[in-house]
Amino acid sequence: MELLNCKDLTLGYEGKAVAEHVSFTVSEGDYLCIVGENGSGKSTLVKTLLGLQPPLSGIIEKSDVLKKAGGVIGYLPQQTPVQRDFPATVEEIVRSGFLAKSGLRPFYTRAEKQLAAEKMERLGISHLAKRCYRELSGGQQQRVLLARALLATGNLLLLDEPVAGLDPKVTGEMYELIKTLNREGVTVIMVSHDIRAVLTFATHILHVLHRTAWFGTAEEYANSDIGRAFTGGEQ
């Protein structure tokens, strides 16, 4: 079942386009990777999918399944120095994933606390619940933010360079964790410059260029002219 259907999007700011003719679909269980050169419009697309800005033209259709889940896409952003130094406990940050659904309610329900505990257990961070977030390693922090994103969504995650700044061992662990979540039914959209990971894990690829975009399966991409040019023939 399709969760998102994006038709002929033009993306940009204040009437100035940075990417055009962007069309793609995201179905339940997909692992879509978004690639492209710096400045091609990937970050603008992320903001548009999150509803932070409208497309200049085109249509984004959300399925009834996604609408019933509040239309929320769980988001794991690129980390900044300010985010890494956030003075809150792991438990507090994970539970904040419910805020988009709870509105102004100043407390978490027992069910929400239980679900947050389950997500922390699933991601192997239960023992860190009372630790201060800024005291954690980069890999631990990403797991905390991933647990938070999972609580915010109806099983659709948008990950923006989720392994940036992590060492190779932790990078591999994070990729395997994301793939496991995908196998368990979480639909993944991931922005990445890591073409090896893209070709290893993606089911579909969206390559954003300034004036057009390519969309198809990972196998089709690997055998396409644009795919071979971008990957340097890497398989």
Protein backbone atom coordinates (compact mmCIF):
# COMPACT_ATOMS: atom_id res chain seq x y z
CA MET A 1 0.00 0.00 0.00
CA GLU A 2 1.29 3.46 -0.90
CA LEU A 3 1.95 5.79 2.04
CA LEU A 4 3.15 8.78 0.02
CA ASN A 5 2.68 9.73 -3.60
CA CYS A 6 4.64 12.80 -4.71
CA LYS A 7 3.73 14.11 -8.15
CA ASP A 8 5.87 16.52 -10.19
CA LEU A 9 7.11 18.54 -7.23
CA THR A 10 8.97 21.80 -7.67
CA LEU A 11 10.93 22.56 -4.50
CA GLY A 12 12.37 25.85 -3.37
CA TYR A 13 12.06 29.05 -1.39
CA GLU A 14 10.29 32.35 -2.06
CA GLY A 15 9.41 31.33 -5.59
CA LYS A 16 12.97 30.25 -6.50
CA ALA A 17 13.20 26.60 -7.52
CA VAL A 18 16.09 24.43 -6.38
CA ALA A 19 14.71 21.12 -7.73
CA GLU A 20 12.03 20.36 -10.30
CA HIS A 21 10.01 17.43 -11.65
CA VAL A 22 10.44 15.32 -8.52
CA SER A 23 8.02 12.37 -8.60
CA PHE A 24 8.16 9.23 -6.46
CA THR A 25 6.08 6.93 -4.28
CA VAL A 26 6.74 5.35 -0.89
CA SER A 27 4.92 2.12 -0.08
CA GLU A 28 4.70 0.20 3.18
CA GLY A 29 7.92 -1.70 3.80
CA ASP A 30 10.03 0.32 1.37
CA TYR A 31 13.59 1.41 2.13
CA LEU A 32 13.95 4.50 -0.04
CA CYS A 33 17.31 6.23 -0.24
CA ILE A 34 17.56 9.81 -1.48
CA VAL A 35 20.85 10.72 -3.14
CA GLY A 36 22.26 13.63 -5.11
CA GLU A 37 25.05 16.16 -5.11
CA ASN A 38 25.29 18.93 -2.52
CA GLY A 39 22.86 21.71 -3.32
CA SER A 40 20.65 19.53 -5.49
CA GLY A 41 17.60 20.01 -3.25
CA LYS A 42 17.69 17.03 -0.86
CA SER A 43 17.42 19.16 2.28
CA THR A 44 14.58 21.15 0.74
CA LEU A 45 12.79 17.91 -0.06
CA VAL A 46 13.17 16.76 3.56
CA LYS A 47 11.60 19.98 4.83
CA THR A 48 8.79 19.65 2.32
CA LEU A 49 8.01 16.05 3.29
CA LEU A 50 7.93 17.07 6.96
CA GLY A 51 5.44 19.83 6.18
CA LEU A 52 7.83 22.59 7.24
CA GLN A 53 7.39 24.30 3.88
CA PRO A 54 5.05 23.74 0.94
CA PRO A 55 6.22 22.72 -2.52
CA LEU A 56 6.23 25.54 -5.06
CA SER A 57 4.09 23.28 -7.23
CA GLY A 58 3.03 19.66 -7.46
CA ILE A 59 1.12 17.38 -5.12
CA ILE A 60 1.97 15.28 -2.05
CA GLU A 61 -0.72 12.70 -1.36
CA LYS A 62 -0.78 10.89 1.99
CA SER A 63 -2.58 7.58 2.38
CA ASP A 64 -5.50 7.10 4.75
CA VAL A 65 -3.22 4.84 6.82
CA LEU A 66 -0.74 7.69 7.31
CA LYS A 67 -3.51 10.23 7.96
CA LYS A 68 -5.02 8.01 10.66
CA ALA A 69 -1.63 7.95 12.36
CA GLY A 70 -1.76 11.74 12.49
CA GLY A 71 0.15 12.16 9.24
CA VAL A 72 3.36 12.27 11.28
CA ILE A 73 6.67 11.15 9.83
CA GLY A 74 9.22 10.16 12.46
CA TYR A 75 12.30 12.30 11.84
CA LEU A 76 15.94 11.67 12.70
CA PRO A 77 17.81 14.87 11.74
CA GLN A 78 21.47 15.44 11.16
CA GLN A 79 23.05 16.14 14.53
CA THR A 80 24.44 19.57 15.34
CA PRO A 81 26.73 20.59 18.23
CA VAL A 82 23.73 22.18 19.98
CA GLN A 83 21.72 18.96 19.74
CA ARG A 84 24.62 16.87 21.05
CA ASP A 85 24.83 19.07 24.15
CA PHE A 86 21.11 18.98 25.01
CA PRO A 87 20.69 18.89 28.84
CA ALA A 88 17.95 16.28 29.33
CA THR A 89 17.80 12.63 30.28
CA VAL A 90 17.50 9.86 27.74
CA GLU A 91 14.05 8.99 29.04
CA GLU A 92 12.84 12.58 28.69
CA ILE A 93 14.06 12.88 25.12
CA VAL A 94 12.58 9.55 24.03
CA ARG A 95 9.19 10.35 25.57
CA SER A 96 9.14 13.72 23.81
CA GLY A 97 8.40 11.79 20.63
CA PHE A 98 4.77 11.79 21.79
CA LEU A 99 4.51 15.60 21.86
CA ALA A 100 3.17 15.93 18.31
CA LYS A 101 0.26 13.67 19.28
CA SER A 102 -0.39 14.81 22.85
CA GLY A 103 -0.78 18.53 22.10
CA LEU A 104 -0.79 20.70 25.21
CA ARG A 105 -1.33 17.80 27.63
CA PRO A 106 1.38 18.33 30.31
CA PHE A 107 1.92 14.66 31.15
CA TYR A 108 2.47 11.24 29.57
CA THR A 109 -0.03 8.47 30.04
CA ARG A 110 0.90 5.11 31.55
CA ALA A 111 0.56 3.51 28.10
CA GLU A 112 2.89 6.10 26.57
CA LYS A 113 5.50 5.55 29.28
CA GLN A 114 5.28 1.80 28.70
CA LEU A 115 5.66 2.18 24.94
CA ALA A 116 8.66 4.47 25.42
CA ALA A 117 10.22 1.86 27.69
CA GLU A 118 9.63 -0.81 25.04
CA LYS A 119 11.29 1.28 22.32
CA MET A 120 14.31 1.93 24.55
CA GLU A 121 14.57 -1.79 25.25
CA ARG A 122 14.25 -2.57 21.53
CA LEU A 123 17.10 -0.20 20.69
CA GLY A 124 19.32 -1.34 23.54
CA ILE A 125 19.32 1.89 25.54
CA SER A 126 17.15 0.99 28.57
CA HIS A 127 20.18 1.07 30.84
CA LEU A 128 20.78 4.68 29.81
CA ALA A 129 17.27 5.93 30.70
CA LYS A 130 18.37 8.19 33.58
CA ARG A 131 21.65 9.30 31.98
CA CYS A 132 22.08 12.82 30.65
CA TYR A 133 21.90 12.81 26.86
CA ARG A 134 24.96 15.01 26.40
CA GLU A 135 27.12 12.50 28.30
CA LEU A 136 26.50 9.76 25.72
CA SER A 137 28.60 8.70 22.76
CA GLY A 138 27.52 9.69 19.25
CA GLY A 139 26.16 6.22 18.53
CA GLN A 140 24.17 6.13 21.77
CA GLN A 141 22.73 9.57 21.03
CA GLN A 142 21.56 8.43 17.60
CA ARG A 143 19.79 5.44 19.14
CA VAL A 144 18.03 7.78 21.57
CA LEU A 145 16.85 10.02 18.72
CA LEU A 146 15.81 6.97 16.70
CA ALA A 147 13.68 5.73 19.61
CA ARG A 148 12.11 9.20 19.84
CA ALA A 149 11.35 9.18 16.10
CA LEU A 150 9.71 5.76 16.34
CA LEU A 151 7.33 7.04 19.01
CA ALA A 152 6.31 9.97 16.82
CA THR A 153 5.31 7.96 13.79
CA GLY A 154 2.91 5.42 12.38
CA ASN A 155 5.95 3.40 11.22
CA LEU A 156 7.34 5.84 8.63
CA LEU A 157 10.84 7.15 9.38
CA LEU A 158 12.75 9.92 7.61
CA LEU A 159 16.48 9.73 8.39
CA ASP A 160 18.80 12.54 7.33
CA GLU A 161 22.40 11.29 7.15
CA PRO A 162 21.89 9.12 10.27
CA VAL A 163 25.52 7.97 10.52
CA ALA A 164 27.27 11.31 9.96
CA GLY A 165 30.20 11.66 12.36
CA LEU A 166 30.05 8.08 13.64
CA ASP A 167 33.05 5.75 13.57
CA PRO A 168 33.00 2.77 11.16
CA LYS A 169 32.00 0.17 13.78
CA VAL A 170 29.08 2.24 15.10
CA THR A 171 28.11 3.17 11.53
CA GLY A 172 27.78 -0.51 10.65
CA GLU A 173 25.72 -1.18 13.78
CA MET A 174 23.38 1.73 13.01
CA TYR A 175 22.84 0.57 9.43
CA GLU A 176 22.06 -2.96 10.62
CA LEU A 177 19.63 -1.63 13.22
CA ILE A 178 17.79 0.46 10.62
CA LYS A 179 17.62 -2.50 8.26
CA THR A 180 16.26 -4.72 11.04
CA LEU A 181 13.55 -2.16 11.81
CA ASN A 182 12.70 -2.11 8.11
CA ARG A 183 12.39 -5.91 8.03
CA GLU A 184 10.06 -5.64 11.03
CA GLY A 185 7.70 -3.38 9.10
CA VAL A 186 9.05 0.16 9.52
CA THR A 187 9.10 2.07 6.23
CA VAL A 188 12.35 4.02 5.82
CA ILE A 189 13.29 7.11 3.82
CA MET A 190 16.99 7.87 4.22
CA VAL A 191 19.06 10.73 2.83
CA SER A 192 22.63 9.55 2.36
CA HIS A 193 25.94 10.28 0.67
CA ASP A 194 27.14 6.74 1.47
CA ILE A 195 26.63 5.05 -1.88
CA ARG A 196 27.85 1.67 -0.57
CA ALA A 197 25.10 1.67 2.05
CA VAL A 198 22.56 2.89 -0.49
CA LEU A 199 23.30 0.02 -2.88
CA THR A 200 23.37 -2.48 0.01
CA PHE A 201 20.18 -1.59 1.83
CA ALA A 202 17.82 0.38 -0.41
CA THR A 203 14.82 -1.16 -2.15
CA HIS A 204 14.27 2.09 -4.08
CA ILE A 205 16.38 5.14 -4.91
CA LEU A 206 15.45 8.74 -5.63
CA HIS A 207 18.25 10.71 -7.26
CA VAL A 208 17.53 14.44 -7.04
CA LEU A 209 19.04 16.78 -9.61
CA HIS A 210 18.38 20.48 -10.11
CA ARG A 211 16.06 20.16 -13.10
CA THR A 212 14.78 16.62 -12.82
CA ALA A 213 14.88 13.50 -10.68
CA TRP A 214 15.29 9.76 -11.23
CA PHE A 215 13.22 7.23 -9.29
CA GLY A 216 13.18 3.45 -9.41
CA THR A 217 14.35 0.27 -7.73
CA ALA A 218 17.90 -0.11 -6.47
CA GLU A 219 18.59 -2.70 -9.17
CA GLU A 220 17.30 -0.38 -11.89
CA TYR A 221 19.42 2.44 -10.50
CA ALA A 222 22.61 0.35 -10.46
CA ASN A 223 22.08 -0.46 -14.14
CA SER A 224 21.06 3.05 -15.22
CA ASP A 225 23.32 5.64 -16.82
CA ILE A 226 22.78 8.08 -13.96
CA GLY A 227 23.44 5.39 -11.40
CA ARG A 228 26.67 4.24 -13.02
CA ALA A 229 27.86 7.83 -13.39
CA PHE A 230 27.11 8.69 -9.76
CA THR A 231 28.52 5.49 -8.25
CA GLY A 232 31.52 5.23 -10.54
CA GLY A 233 30.42 1.72 -11.47
CA GLU A 234 30.46 0.58 -7.84
CA GLN A 235 28.19 -2.43 -7.22
